[in-house]
Amino acid sequence: MTMGGIRAAVAGLAGQWVVVCGASKGIGRALVLALAASGANVVAVARSAPALADVAAEARRVAPGPPPLASIVTVVADLADEDAVARLMAVELPPIVGPAGVRMLILNHVAGWWQHWLAGPDGSHVARLAAAQGAGVDGVRVTPTLRALFAVNFDSYVAIATHAMGLLLAAGDAGSRAQLVVVSSVAGKIGLPKVPPYAAAKHALHGFFESLRHELDMTGAPLGITMAMLGNIDTAANRTNTAGEVAHLPYASPHDAAAAIIAAAASGTESVTFPWAQIQPVIWLDMLIPRLARTIIQRATYGPGSFVPSPTSIALPSPDVMLGADRPKPDHPQTVLT
């Protein structure tokens, strides 16, 4: 599609309903603002009511007007809770979006991970792998860690998309092809150090939604899927979670990332990588010369201040190290119309 066609596709979102999950900060916030600026009606979903209120206020300022032509709705919900998701899609959203349904659903929420799977940050206090065979060490079990991270990064994506099918297909029936957007990562295509469980969840997203795309194609459903693979984006969460260890790599703007995602989704593109020059060549190289790709990735990851594991610092991970494990859980969804 030409640049003119892409601009026209984005302009076509004006007056359409778009739902953004994980909308309170970082890329999600940038998505809400960019969509509001295009005149789209936005439902912003996240766990923090104050942060959502800030996003909504800024979205009203950037929306076409005055008065703002875009409607901004905020919903406080724990997206890892399927009961909350079911209520959101069956009870909360239908009276808001009406019979036209949801033109675009963007799944962007995430629980991060930045630690070697078999090593702690300090090798002096962890047990050795040789002692960790079988049942685990000191009562530590790895499956709770995996379950907690997959609950946010994979299970909830599948649950949200499934419960939202009626609203998405309604948009297609209304004459405009709907689009489901899955915000993934370069870690969803290739392995990276210090993110094994995170990468596993992202790989699972590609497996599920690329398979689901086949089913939609074969049934002729008016719904497309866009997979967005992101690289090193300059968000507070990324800088904090990685403890500055990738600060030597170029950061891309979250606003530019949001623009790339929206342009790809609005034009029906099946996949987008951003920033392209940073990650797409590595994905290709990993397919052709994997050993060379691993060398480049490892050298890029272990920048100044990085912890490089030694054979004597290997141990099972603790469930407590999962970033975001202390996620607050709202008692029930809360909807605010603005």
C-alpha atoms as a PDB file:
ATOM      1  CA  MET A   1       0.000   0.000   0.000  1.00  0.00           C
ATOM      2  CA  THR A   2       1.249   3.495  -0.845  1.00  0.00           C
ATOM      3  CA  MET A   3       1.866   6.149   1.805  1.00  0.00           C
ATOM      4  CA  GLY A   4      -1.226   7.940   0.551  1.00  0.00           C
ATOM      5  CA  GLY A   5      -3.238   4.759   0.979  1.00  0.00           C
ATOM      6  CA  ILE A   6      -1.925   4.283   4.512  1.00  0.00           C
ATOM      7  CA  ARG A   7      -2.825   7.860   5.452  1.00  0.00           C
ATOM      8  CA  ALA A   8      -6.297   7.341   4.044  1.00  0.00           C
ATOM      9  CA  ALA A   9      -6.673   4.098   6.016  1.00  0.00           C
ATOM     10  CA  VAL A  10      -5.679   5.827   9.259  1.00  0.00           C
ATOM     11  CA  ALA A  11      -8.038   8.711   8.481  1.00  0.00           C
ATOM     12  CA  GLY A  12     -10.753   6.090   8.028  1.00  0.00           C
ATOM     13  CA  LEU A  13     -10.578   5.350  11.761  1.00  0.00           C
ATOM     14  CA  ALA A  14     -12.289   8.672  12.515  1.00  0.00           C
ATOM     15  CA  GLY A  15     -15.533   7.997  14.323  1.00  0.00           C
ATOM     16  CA  GLN A  16     -14.734   4.286  14.671  1.00  0.00           C
ATOM     17  CA  TRP A  17     -14.352   2.534  18.041  1.00  0.00           C
ATOM     18  CA  VAL A  18     -10.881   1.278  18.980  1.00  0.00           C
ATOM     19  CA  VAL A  19     -10.119  -0.596  22.217  1.00  0.00           C
ATOM     20  CA  VAL A  20      -6.578  -0.344  23.626  1.00  0.00           C
ATOM     21  CA  CYS A  21      -5.592  -2.806  26.366  1.00  0.00           C
ATOM     22  CA  GLY A  22      -2.659  -1.708  28.519  1.00  0.00           C
ATOM     23  CA  ALA A  23      -3.402   1.930  27.775  1.00  0.00           C
ATOM     24  CA  SER A  24      -2.148   3.816  30.829  1.00  0.00           C
ATOM     25  CA  LYS A  25       1.532   4.294  29.982  1.00  0.00           C
ATOM     26  CA  GLY A  26       4.311   3.783  27.480  1.00  0.00           C
ATOM     27  CA  ILE A  27       3.280   2.453  24.087  1.00  0.00           C
ATOM     28  CA  GLY A  28      -0.350   2.055  25.174  1.00  0.00           C
ATOM     29  CA  ARG A  29      -0.584   5.702  26.145  1.00  0.00           C
ATOM     30  CA  ALA A  30       1.013   6.711  22.846  1.00  0.00           C
ATOM     31  CA  LEU A  31      -1.516   4.558  20.987  1.00  0.00           C
ATOM     32  CA  VAL A  32      -4.459   6.244  22.719  1.00  0.00           C
ATOM     33  CA  LEU A  33      -3.128   9.721  21.935  1.00  0.00           C
ATOM     34  CA  ALA A  34      -2.407   8.908  18.289  1.00  0.00           C
ATOM     35  CA  LEU A  35      -5.833   7.347  17.822  1.00  0.00           C
ATOM     36  CA  ALA A  36      -7.586  10.291  19.473  1.00  0.00           C
ATOM     37  CA  ALA A  37      -5.644  12.680  17.230  1.00  0.00           C
ATOM     38  CA  SER A  38      -6.957  10.764  14.212  1.00  0.00           C
ATOM     39  CA  GLY A  39     -10.531  11.256  15.426  1.00  0.00           C
ATOM     40  CA  ALA A  40     -11.098   7.667  16.529  1.00  0.00           C
ATOM     41  CA  ASN A  41     -13.302   6.875  19.515  1.00  0.00           C
ATOM     42  CA  VAL A  42     -11.112   5.101  22.071  1.00  0.00           C
ATOM     43  CA  VAL A  43     -11.776   2.736  24.958  1.00  0.00           C
ATOM     44  CA  ALA A  44      -8.633   2.769  27.115  1.00  0.00           C
ATOM     45  CA  VAL A  45      -8.292  -0.230  29.442  1.00  0.00           C
ATOM     46  CA  ALA A  46      -5.724  -0.632  32.230  1.00  0.00           C
ATOM     47  CA  ARG A  47      -5.411  -1.231  35.985  1.00  0.00           C
ATOM     48  CA  SER A  48      -4.666   2.320  37.149  1.00  0.00           C
ATOM     49  CA  ALA A  49      -7.613   4.721  37.322  1.00  0.00           C
ATOM     50  CA  PRO A  50      -5.450   7.846  37.928  1.00  0.00           C
ATOM     51  CA  ALA A  51      -3.158   7.019  35.005  1.00  0.00           C
ATOM     52  CA  LEU A  52      -6.136   6.398  32.741  1.00  0.00           C
ATOM     53  CA  ALA A  53      -7.654   9.727  33.779  1.00  0.00           C
ATOM     54  CA  ASP A  54      -4.424  11.472  32.765  1.00  0.00           C
ATOM     55  CA  VAL A  55      -4.418   9.694  29.402  1.00  0.00           C
ATOM     56  CA  ALA A  56      -8.051  10.614  28.765  1.00  0.00           C
ATOM     57  CA  ALA A  57      -7.437  14.269  29.595  1.00  0.00           C
ATOM     58  CA  GLU A  58      -4.499  14.467  27.208  1.00  0.00           C
ATOM     59  CA  ALA A  59      -6.417  12.570  24.521  1.00  0.00           C
ATOM     60  CA  ARG A  60      -9.201  15.155  24.675  1.00  0.00           C
ATOM     61  CA  ARG A  61      -6.613  17.896  24.162  1.00  0.00           C
ATOM     62  CA  VAL A  62      -5.177  16.308  21.007  1.00  0.00           C
ATOM     63  CA  ALA A  63      -8.491  15.161  19.500  1.00  0.00           C
ATOM     64  CA  PRO A  64      -9.891  17.180  16.577  1.00  0.00           C
ATOM     65  CA  GLY A  65     -12.219  19.932  17.649  1.00  0.00           C
ATOM     66  CA  PRO A  66     -13.282  21.928  19.558  1.00  0.00           C
ATOM     67  CA  PRO A  67     -15.287  20.372  21.004  1.00  0.00           C
ATOM     68  CA  PRO A  68     -13.347  17.096  20.857  1.00  0.00           C
ATOM     69  CA  LEU A  69     -14.832  14.952  18.112  1.00  0.00           C
ATOM     70  CA  ALA A  70     -13.449  11.732  19.575  1.00  0.00           C
ATOM     71  CA  SER A  71     -15.084   9.996  22.536  1.00  0.00           C
ATOM     72  CA  ILE A  72     -12.667   8.700  25.168  1.00  0.00           C
ATOM     73  CA  VAL A  73     -13.817   5.961  27.544  1.00  0.00           C
ATOM     74  CA  THR A  74     -11.654   4.565  30.333  1.00  0.00           C
ATOM     75  CA  VAL A  75     -12.166   1.159  31.911  1.00  0.00           C
ATOM     76  CA  VAL A  76     -10.268  -0.059  34.975  1.00  0.00           C
ATOM     77  CA  ALA A  77      -9.861  -3.832  34.848  1.00  0.00           C
ATOM     78  CA  ASP A  78      -7.371  -6.610  35.532  1.00  0.00           C
ATOM     79  CA  LEU A  79      -7.014  -8.166  32.096  1.00  0.00           C
ATOM     80  CA  ALA A  80      -5.505 -11.339  33.550  1.00  0.00           C
ATOM     81  CA  ASP A  81      -8.883 -12.016  35.198  1.00  0.00           C
ATOM     82  CA  GLU A  82     -11.063 -13.752  32.607  1.00  0.00           C
ATOM     83  CA  ASP A  83     -14.239 -12.979  34.538  1.00  0.00           C
ATOM     84  CA  ALA A  84     -13.391  -9.273  34.279  1.00  0.00           C
ATOM     85  CA  VAL A  85     -12.621  -9.694  30.577  1.00  0.00           C
ATOM     86  CA  ALA A  86     -15.914 -11.482  29.932  1.00  0.00           C
ATOM     87  CA  ARG A  87     -17.819  -8.729  31.733  1.00  0.00           C
ATOM     88  CA  LEU A  88     -15.934  -6.053  29.792  1.00  0.00           C
ATOM     89  CA  MET A  89     -16.829  -7.549  26.419  1.00  0.00           C
ATOM     90  CA  ALA A  90     -20.367  -8.728  27.197  1.00  0.00           C
ATOM     91  CA  VAL A  91     -21.648  -6.011  29.546  1.00  0.00           C
ATOM     92  CA  GLU A  92     -19.438  -2.911  29.596  1.00  0.00           C
ATOM     93  CA  LEU A  93     -18.583  -2.348  25.928  1.00  0.00           C
ATOM     94  CA  PRO A  94     -21.748  -3.181  23.918  1.00  0.00           C
ATOM     95  CA  PRO A  95     -23.780  -0.156  25.097  1.00  0.00           C
ATOM     96  CA  ILE A  96     -20.743   2.069  24.510  1.00  0.00           C
ATOM     97  CA  VAL A  97     -19.813   1.029  20.974  1.00  0.00           C
ATOM     98  CA  GLY A  98     -23.346   0.249  19.824  1.00  0.00           C
ATOM     99  CA  PRO A  99     -24.267  -1.937  16.846  1.00  0.00           C
ATOM    100  CA  ALA A 100     -21.209  -0.792  14.853  1.00  0.00           C
ATOM    101  CA  GLY A 101     -19.000  -2.863  17.155  1.00  0.00           C
ATOM    102  CA  VAL A 102     -15.244  -2.514  17.649  1.00  0.00           C
ATOM    103  CA  ARG A 103     -13.282  -1.569  14.530  1.00  0.00           C
ATOM    104  CA  MET A 104      -9.906  -2.320  16.104  1.00  0.00           C
ATOM    105  CA  LEU A 105      -8.770  -4.137  19.251  1.00  0.00           C
ATOM    106  CA  ILE A 106      -5.156  -3.592  20.325  1.00  0.00           C
ATOM    107  CA  LEU A 107      -3.661  -6.020  22.856  1.00  0.00           C
ATOM    108  CA  ASN A 108      -0.664  -4.286  24.401  1.00  0.00           C
ATOM    109  CA  HIS A 109      -0.550  -5.072  28.153  1.00  0.00           C
ATOM    110  CA  VAL A 110       2.492  -6.949  29.422  1.00  0.00           C
ATOM    111  CA  ALA A 111       4.339  -8.396  32.405  1.00  0.00           C
ATOM    112  CA  GLY A 112       8.089  -8.076  31.943  1.00  0.00           C
ATOM    113  CA  TRP A 113      11.044 -10.273  32.777  1.00  0.00           C
ATOM    114  CA  TRP A 114      14.754  -9.400  32.783  1.00  0.00           C
ATOM    115  CA  GLN A 115      16.822 -12.064  34.528  1.00  0.00           C
ATOM    116  CA  HIS A 116      18.766 -15.148  33.557  1.00  0.00           C
ATOM    117  CA  TRP A 117      16.473 -18.139  33.976  1.00  0.00           C
ATOM    118  CA  LEU A 118      19.187 -20.278  35.593  1.00  0.00           C
ATOM    119  CA  ALA A 119      21.035 -17.631  37.575  1.00  0.00           C
ATOM    120  CA  GLY A 120      20.354 -14.987  40.176  1.00  0.00           C
ATOM    121  CA  PRO A 121      21.883 -11.501  40.027  1.00  0.00           C
ATOM    122  CA  ASP A 122      24.389 -12.567  42.682  1.00  0.00           C
ATOM    123  CA  GLY A 123      25.912 -16.028  42.256  1.00  0.00           C
ATOM    124  CA  SER A 124      27.020 -16.130  45.893  1.00  0.00           C
ATOM    125  CA  HIS A 125      23.579 -16.793  47.351  1.00  0.00           C
ATOM    126  CA  VAL A 126      22.001 -19.216  44.900  1.00  0.00           C
ATOM    127  CA  ALA A 127      22.202 -22.986  44.859  1.00  0.00           C
ATOM    128  CA  ARG A 128      24.055 -24.806  42.119  1.00  0.00           C
ATOM    129  CA  LEU A 129      22.292 -26.438  39.224  1.00  0.00           C
ATOM    130  CA  ALA A 130      23.673 -29.804  40.233  1.00  0.00           C
ATOM    131  CA  ALA A 131      21.656 -29.564  43.442  1.00  0.00           C
ATOM    132  CA  ALA A 132      18.571 -28.401  41.592  1.00  0.00           C
ATOM    133  CA  GLN A 133      17.807 -31.550  39.651  1.00  0.00           C
ATOM    134  CA  GLY A 134      14.415 -33.141  40.126  1.00  0.00           C
ATOM    135  CA  ALA A 135      12.009 -31.511  42.529  1.00  0.00           C
ATOM    136  CA  GLY A 136      13.779 -28.158  42.845  1.00  0.00           C
ATOM    137  CA  VAL A 137      15.703 -26.341  45.566  1.00  0.00           C
ATOM    138  CA  ASP A 138      14.491 -25.067  48.933  1.00  0.00           C
ATOM    139  CA  GLY A 139      10.849 -25.441  47.963  1.00  0.00           C
ATOM    140  CA  VAL A 140      11.205 -23.333  44.807  1.00  0.00           C
ATOM    141  CA  ARG A 141       9.040 -24.448  41.891  1.00  0.00           C
ATOM    142  CA  VAL A 142       9.293 -22.901  38.457  1.00  0.00           C
ATOM    143  CA  THR A 143       5.769 -23.514  37.203  1.00  0.00           C
ATOM    144  CA  PRO A 144       4.155 -20.795  39.391  1.00  0.00           C
ATOM    145  CA  THR A 145       6.515 -18.287  37.781  1.00  0.00           C
ATOM    146  CA  LEU A 146       5.593 -19.471  34.316  1.00  0.00           C
ATOM    147  CA  ARG A 147       1.877 -19.504  35.085  1.00  0.00           C
ATOM    148  CA  ALA A 148       1.922 -15.973  36.464  1.00  0.00           C
ATOM    149  CA  LEU A 149       3.788 -14.575  33.476  1.00  0.00           C
ATOM    150  CA  PHE A 150       1.801 -16.523  30.881  1.00  0.00           C
ATOM    151  CA  ALA A 151      -1.450 -15.441  32.556  1.00  0.00           C
ATOM    152  CA  VAL A 152      -0.725 -11.850  31.542  1.00  0.00           C
ATOM    153  CA  ASN A 153       1.358 -12.247  28.387  1.00  0.00           C
ATOM    154  CA  PHE A 154      -0.499 -15.093  26.685  1.00  0.00           C
ATOM    155  CA  ASP A 155      -3.632 -16.409  28.405  1.00  0.00           C
ATOM    156  CA  SER A 156      -5.227 -12.979  28.729  1.00  0.00           C
ATOM    157  CA  TYR A 157      -4.556 -12.152  25.071  1.00  0.00           C
ATOM    158  CA  VAL A 158      -6.374 -15.297  23.976  1.00  0.00           C
ATOM    159  CA  ALA A 159      -9.236 -14.675  26.414  1.00  0.00           C
ATOM    160  CA  ILE A 160      -9.706 -11.048  25.387  1.00  0.00           C
ATOM    161  CA  ALA A 161      -9.612 -11.819  21.663  1.00  0.00           C
ATOM    162  CA  THR A 162     -12.056 -14.690  22.052  1.00  0.00           C
ATOM    163  CA  HIS A 163     -14.559 -12.786  24.190  1.00  0.00           C
ATOM    164  CA  ALA A 164     -14.293  -9.784  21.821  1.00  0.00           C
ATOM    165  CA  MET A 165     -15.099 -11.758  18.660  1.00  0.00           C
ATOM    166  CA  GLY A 166     -18.744 -10.711  18.640  1.00  0.00           C
ATOM    167  CA  LEU A 167     -17.864  -7.013  18.848  1.00  0.00           C
ATOM    168  CA  LEU A 168     -15.148  -7.303  16.201  1.00  0.00           C
ATOM    169  CA  LEU A 169     -17.319  -9.245  13.764  1.00  0.00           C
ATOM    170  CA  ALA A 170     -20.106  -6.703  14.283  1.00  0.00           C
ATOM    171  CA  ALA A 171     -17.770  -4.034  12.901  1.00  0.00           C
ATOM    172  CA  GLY A 172     -17.136  -6.243   9.893  1.00  0.00           C
ATOM    173  CA  ASP A 173     -20.852  -6.786   9.384  1.00  0.00           C
ATOM    174  CA  ALA A 174     -21.299  -3.003   9.519  1.00  0.00           C
ATOM    175  CA  GLY A 175     -19.174  -2.690   6.388  1.00  0.00           C
ATOM    176  CA  SER A 176     -15.663  -1.968   7.701  1.00  0.00           C
ATOM    177  CA  ARG A 177     -13.237  -4.858   8.117  1.00  0.00           C
ATOM    178  CA  ALA A 178     -12.184  -5.109  11.763  1.00  0.00           C
ATOM    179  CA  GLN A 179      -8.604  -5.611  12.868  1.00  0.00           C
ATOM    180  CA  LEU A 180      -7.127  -7.421  15.869  1.00  0.00           C
ATOM    181  CA  VAL A 181      -3.682  -6.103  16.804  1.00  0.00           C
ATOM    182  CA  VAL A 182      -1.275  -8.179  18.888  1.00  0.00           C
ATOM    183  CA  VAL A 183       1.677  -6.169  20.207  1.00  0.00           C
ATOM    184  CA  SER A 184       4.548  -8.611  20.427  1.00  0.00           C
ATOM    185  CA  SER A 185       8.322  -8.334  20.457  1.00  0.00           C
ATOM    186  CA  VAL A 186      11.412  -9.386  18.582  1.00  0.00           C
ATOM    187  CA  ALA A 187      11.521 -11.963  21.409  1.00  0.00           C
ATOM    188  CA  GLY A 188       8.434 -13.504  19.824  1.00  0.00           C
ATOM    189  CA  LYS A 189      10.443 -14.458  16.760  1.00  0.00           C
ATOM    190  CA  ILE A 190      13.933 -15.222  18.070  1.00  0.00           C
ATOM    191  CA  GLY A 191      15.450 -16.147  21.420  1.00  0.00           C
ATOM    192  CA  LEU A 192      17.129 -13.433  23.486  1.00  0.00           C
ATOM    193  CA  PRO A 193      19.214 -13.580  26.684  1.00  0.00           C
ATOM    194  CA  LYS A 194      17.600 -12.776  30.032  1.00  0.00           C
ATOM    195  CA  VAL A 195      14.016 -13.211  28.800  1.00  0.00           C
ATOM    196  CA  PRO A 196      13.378 -16.991  28.389  1.00  0.00           C
ATOM    197  CA  PRO A 197       9.849 -17.107  29.892  1.00  0.00           C
ATOM    198  CA  TYR A 198       8.914 -13.762  28.338  1.00  0.00           C
ATOM    199  CA  ALA A 199      10.134 -14.950  24.935  1.00  0.00           C
ATOM    200  CA  ALA A 200       8.223 -18.204  25.376  1.00  0.00           C
ATOM    201  CA  ALA A 201       4.980 -16.303  25.957  1.00  0.00           C
ATOM    202  CA  LYS A 202       5.617 -14.053  22.962  1.00  0.00           C
ATOM    203  CA  HIS A 203       6.383 -17.060  20.749  1.00  0.00           C
ATOM    204  CA  ALA A 204       3.106 -18.570  21.949  1.00  0.00           C
ATOM    205  CA  LEU A 205       1.263 -15.434  20.822  1.00  0.00           C
ATOM    206  CA  HIS A 206       2.594 -15.846  17.300  1.00  0.00           C
ATOM    207  CA  GLY A 207       1.709 -19.527  17.250  1.00  0.00           C
ATOM    208  CA  PHE A 208      -1.850 -18.921  18.408  1.00  0.00           C
ATOM    209  CA  PHE A 209      -2.784 -15.817  16.451  1.00  0.00           C
ATOM    210  CA  GLU A 210      -1.077 -16.819  13.215  1.00  0.00           C
ATOM    211  CA  SER A 211      -3.022 -20.090  13.426  1.00  0.00           C
ATOM    212  CA  LEU A 212      -6.215 -18.183  14.219  1.00  0.00           C
ATOM    213  CA  ARG A 213      -5.610 -16.103  11.098  1.00  0.00           C
ATOM    214  CA  HIS A 214      -5.965 -19.297   9.042  1.00  0.00           C
ATOM    215  CA  GLU A 215      -9.358 -19.991  10.605  1.00  0.00           C
ATOM    216  CA  LEU A 216     -10.555 -16.456   9.921  1.00  0.00           C
ATOM    217  CA  ASP A 217      -9.379 -16.687   6.308  1.00  0.00           C
ATOM    218  CA  MET A 218     -11.038 -20.050   5.730  1.00  0.00           C
ATOM    219  CA  THR A 219     -14.382 -18.905   7.128  1.00  0.00           C
ATOM    220  CA  GLY A 220     -14.317 -15.588   5.294  1.00  0.00           C
ATOM    221  CA  ALA A 221     -14.661 -13.628   8.534  1.00  0.00           C
ATOM    222  CA  PRO A 222     -14.336  -9.834   8.045  1.00  0.00           C
ATOM    223  CA  LEU A 223     -11.495  -9.675  10.560  1.00  0.00           C
ATOM    224  CA  GLY A 224      -7.747  -9.386  10.067  1.00  0.00           C
ATOM    225  CA  ILE A 225      -4.845  -9.834  12.482  1.00  0.00           C
ATOM    226  CA  THR A 226      -1.767  -7.619  12.715  1.00  0.00           C
ATOM    227  CA  MET A 227       1.276  -8.890  14.625  1.00  0.00           C
ATOM    228  CA  ALA A 228       3.564  -6.061  15.792  1.00  0.00           C
ATOM    229  CA  MET A 229       7.151  -7.029  16.675  1.00  0.00           C
ATOM    230  CA  LEU A 230       8.818  -4.269  18.672  1.00  0.00           C
ATOM    231  CA  GLY A 231      12.447  -3.691  19.561  1.00  0.00           C
ATOM    232  CA  ASN A 232      14.070  -1.348  22.085  1.00  0.00           C
ATOM    233  CA  ILE A 233      11.378   1.254  22.788  1.00  0.00           C
ATOM    234  CA  ASP A 234      12.035   4.232  25.047  1.00  0.00           C
ATOM    235  CA  THR A 235       9.472   3.677  27.790  1.00  0.00           C
ATOM    236  CA  ALA A 236       9.931   4.059  31.532  1.00  0.00           C
ATOM    237  CA  ALA A 237       9.048   0.393  32.035  1.00  0.00           C
ATOM    238  CA  ASN A 238      11.667  -0.751  29.528  1.00  0.00           C
ATOM    239  CA  ARG A 239      14.406   1.382  31.081  1.00  0.00           C
ATOM    240  CA  THR A 240      13.483   0.269  34.609  1.00  0.00           C
ATOM    241  CA  ASN A 241      12.968  -3.414  33.847  1.00  0.00           C
ATOM    242  CA  THR A 242      16.258  -3.782  32.007  1.00  0.00           C
ATOM    243  CA  ALA A 243      18.125  -1.845  34.728  1.00  0.00           C
ATOM    244  CA  GLY A 244      19.867   0.272  32.113  1.00  0.00           C
ATOM    245  CA  GLU A 245      21.632  -2.723  30.610  1.00  0.00           C
ATOM    246  CA  VAL A 246      20.465  -1.969  27.066  1.00  0.00           C
ATOM    247  CA  ALA A 247      20.973   1.790  27.327  1.00  0.00           C
ATOM    248  CA  HIS A 248      23.906   1.468  24.912  1.00  0.00           C
ATOM    249  CA  LEU A 249      21.434   0.406  22.207  1.00  0.00           C
ATOM    250  CA  PRO A 250      19.381   3.001  20.302  1.00  0.00           C
ATOM    251  CA  TYR A 251      15.951   3.652  21.803  1.00  0.00           C
ATOM    252  CA  ALA A 252      12.969   4.238  19.532  1.00  0.00           C
ATOM    253  CA  SER A 253      10.186   6.652  20.418  1.00  0.00           C
ATOM    254  CA  PRO A 254       6.949   5.105  21.741  1.00  0.00           C
ATOM    255  CA  HIS A 255       5.041   7.654  19.669  1.00  0.00           C
ATOM    256  CA  ASP A 256       6.795   6.477  16.506  1.00  0.00           C
ATOM    257  CA  ALA A 257       6.082   2.874  17.528  1.00  0.00           C
ATOM    258  CA  ALA A 258       2.403   3.713  18.013  1.00  0.00           C
ATOM    259  CA  ALA A 259       2.243   5.415  14.619  1.00  0.00           C
ATOM    260  CA  ALA A 260       3.786   2.364  12.937  1.00  0.00           C
ATOM    261  CA  ILE A 261       1.358  -0.006  14.670  1.00  0.00           C
ATOM    262  CA  ILE A 262      -1.719   2.060  13.810  1.00  0.00           C
ATOM    263  CA  ALA A 263      -0.656   2.539  10.181  1.00  0.00           C
ATOM    264  CA  ALA A 264      -0.065  -1.196   9.752  1.00  0.00           C
ATOM    265  CA  ALA A 265      -3.329  -2.177  11.432  1.00  0.00           C
ATOM    266  CA  ALA A 266      -5.469   0.409   9.650  1.00  0.00           C
ATOM    267  CA  SER A 267      -4.134  -0.749   6.282  1.00  0.00           C
ATOM    268  CA  GLY A 268      -4.670  -4.435   7.104  1.00  0.00           C
ATOM    269  CA  THR A 269      -0.969  -5.312   7.156  1.00  0.00           C
ATOM    270  CA  GLU A 270      -0.398  -8.746   8.696  1.00  0.00           C
ATOM    271  CA  SER A 271       2.893  -7.954  10.448  1.00  0.00           C
ATOM    272  CA  VAL A 272       5.030  -4.956  11.265  1.00  0.00           C
ATOM    273  CA  THR A 273       8.481  -4.692  12.847  1.00  0.00           C
ATOM    274  CA  PHE A 274       9.599  -1.516  14.596  1.00  0.00           C
ATOM    275  CA  PRO A 275      12.205  -0.190  14.486  1.00  0.00           C
ATOM    276  CA  TRP A 276      12.684  -2.170  11.284  1.00  0.00           C
ATOM    277  CA  ALA A 277      16.423  -1.579  10.872  1.00  0.00           C
ATOM    278  CA  GLN A 278      17.131  -2.661  14.453  1.00  0.00           C
ATOM    279  CA  ILE A 279      15.332  -5.990  14.510  1.00  0.00           C
ATOM    280  CA  GLN A 280      14.272  -7.277  11.081  1.00  0.00           C
ATOM    281  CA  PRO A 281      17.834  -7.965   9.824  1.00  0.00           C
ATOM    282  CA  VAL A 282      18.549  -9.930  13.015  1.00  0.00           C
ATOM    283  CA  ILE A 283      15.386 -11.991  12.543  1.00  0.00           C
ATOM    284  CA  TRP A 284      16.469 -12.848   9.003  1.00  0.00           C
ATOM    285  CA  LEU A 285      20.038 -13.573  10.095  1.00  0.00           C
ATOM    286  CA  ASP A 286      18.765 -15.908  12.803  1.00  0.00           C
ATOM    287  CA  MET A 287      16.968 -17.899  10.108  1.00  0.00           C
ATOM    288  CA  LEU A 288      20.018 -18.098   7.832  1.00  0.00           C
ATOM    289  CA  ILE A 289      23.075 -18.140  10.116  1.00  0.00           C
ATOM    290  CA  PRO A 290      21.794 -18.711  13.671  1.00  0.00           C
ATOM    291  CA  ARG A 291      25.211 -18.998  15.318  1.00  0.00           C
ATOM    292  CA  LEU A 292      26.277 -15.608  13.970  1.00  0.00           C
ATOM    293  CA  ALA A 293      22.945 -14.116  15.015  1.00  0.00           C
ATOM    294  CA  ARG A 294      23.420 -15.424  18.562  1.00  0.00           C
ATOM    295  CA  THR A 295      26.882 -13.887  18.750  1.00  0.00           C
ATOM    296  CA  ILE A 296      25.567 -10.493  17.677  1.00  0.00           C
ATOM    297  CA  ILE A 297      22.607 -10.676  20.058  1.00  0.00           C
ATOM    298  CA  GLN A 298      24.752 -11.686  23.038  1.00  0.00           C
ATOM    299  CA  ARG A 299      27.268  -8.913  22.431  1.00  0.00           C
ATOM    300  CA  ALA A 300      24.461  -6.407  22.082  1.00  0.00           C
ATOM    301  CA  THR A 301      22.744  -7.592  25.263  1.00  0.00           C
ATOM    302  CA  TYR A 302      25.800  -7.631  27.480  1.00  0.00           C
ATOM    303  CA  GLY A 303      26.560  -3.970  27.415  1.00  0.00           C
ATOM    304  CA  PRO A 304      28.273  -1.980  30.190  1.00  0.00           C
ATOM    305  CA  GLY A 305      27.136  -3.072  33.646  1.00  0.00           C
ATOM    306  CA  SER A 306      25.509  -6.296  32.527  1.00  0.00           C
ATOM    307  CA  PHE A 307      25.632  -9.387  34.708  1.00  0.00           C
ATOM    308  CA  VAL A 308      27.216 -12.210  32.723  1.00  0.00           C
ATOM    309  CA  PRO A 309      26.486 -15.616  34.293  1.00  0.00           C
ATOM    310  CA  SER A 310      29.221 -18.048  35.130  1.00  0.00           C
ATOM    311  CA  PRO A 311      28.847 -21.843  35.317  1.00  0.00           C
ATOM    312  CA  THR A 312      28.979 -21.654  39.121  1.00  0.00           C
ATOM    313  CA  SER A 313      26.112 -19.160  39.407  1.00  0.00           C
ATOM    314  CA  ILE A 314      23.415 -21.346  37.900  1.00  0.00           C
ATOM    315  CA  ALA A 315      20.250 -22.035  39.873  1.00  0.00           C
ATOM    316  CA  LEU A 316      16.509 -22.261  39.570  1.00  0.00           C
ATOM    317  CA  PRO A 317      14.708 -18.899  39.438  1.00  0.00           C
ATOM    318  CA  SER A 318      12.503 -17.576  42.182  1.00  0.00           C
ATOM    319  CA  PRO A 319       8.883 -16.727  41.347  1.00  0.00           C
ATOM    320  CA  ASP A 320       9.401 -13.444  43.189  1.00  0.00           C
ATOM    321  CA  VAL A 321      11.681 -12.032  40.496  1.00  0.00           C
ATOM    322  CA  MET A 322       8.929 -11.711  37.913  1.00  0.00           C
ATOM    323  CA  LEU A 323       8.496  -8.034  37.224  1.00  0.00           C
ATOM    324  CA  GLY A 324       4.932  -7.020  37.858  1.00  0.00           C
ATOM    325  CA  ALA A 325       4.181  -9.998  40.109  1.00  0.00           C
ATOM    326  CA  ASP A 326       2.747  -7.602  42.692  1.00  0.00           C
ATOM    327  CA  ARG A 327       0.184  -6.336  40.207  1.00  0.00           C
ATOM    328  CA  PRO A 328      -2.736  -4.710  42.056  1.00  0.00           C
ATOM    329  CA  LYS A 329      -6.085  -6.255  41.237  1.00  0.00           C
ATOM    330  CA  PRO A 330      -9.180  -4.022  41.116  1.00  0.00           C
ATOM    331  CA  ASP A 331     -12.280  -5.356  42.813  1.00  0.00           C
ATOM    332  CA  HIS A 332     -14.379  -4.913  39.667  1.00  0.00           C
ATOM    333  CA  PRO A 333     -14.234  -3.124  36.309  1.00  0.00           C
ATOM    334  CA  GLN A 334     -14.900   0.588  36.467  1.00  0.00           C
ATOM    335  CA  THR A 335     -16.000   2.522  33.395  1.00  0.00           C
ATOM    336  CA  VAL A 336     -15.589   6.279  33.041  1.00  0.00           C
ATOM    337  CA  LEU A 337     -17.140   8.143  30.111  1.00  0.00           C
ATOM    338  CA  THR A 338     -15.346  11.305  29.037  1.00  0.00           C
END
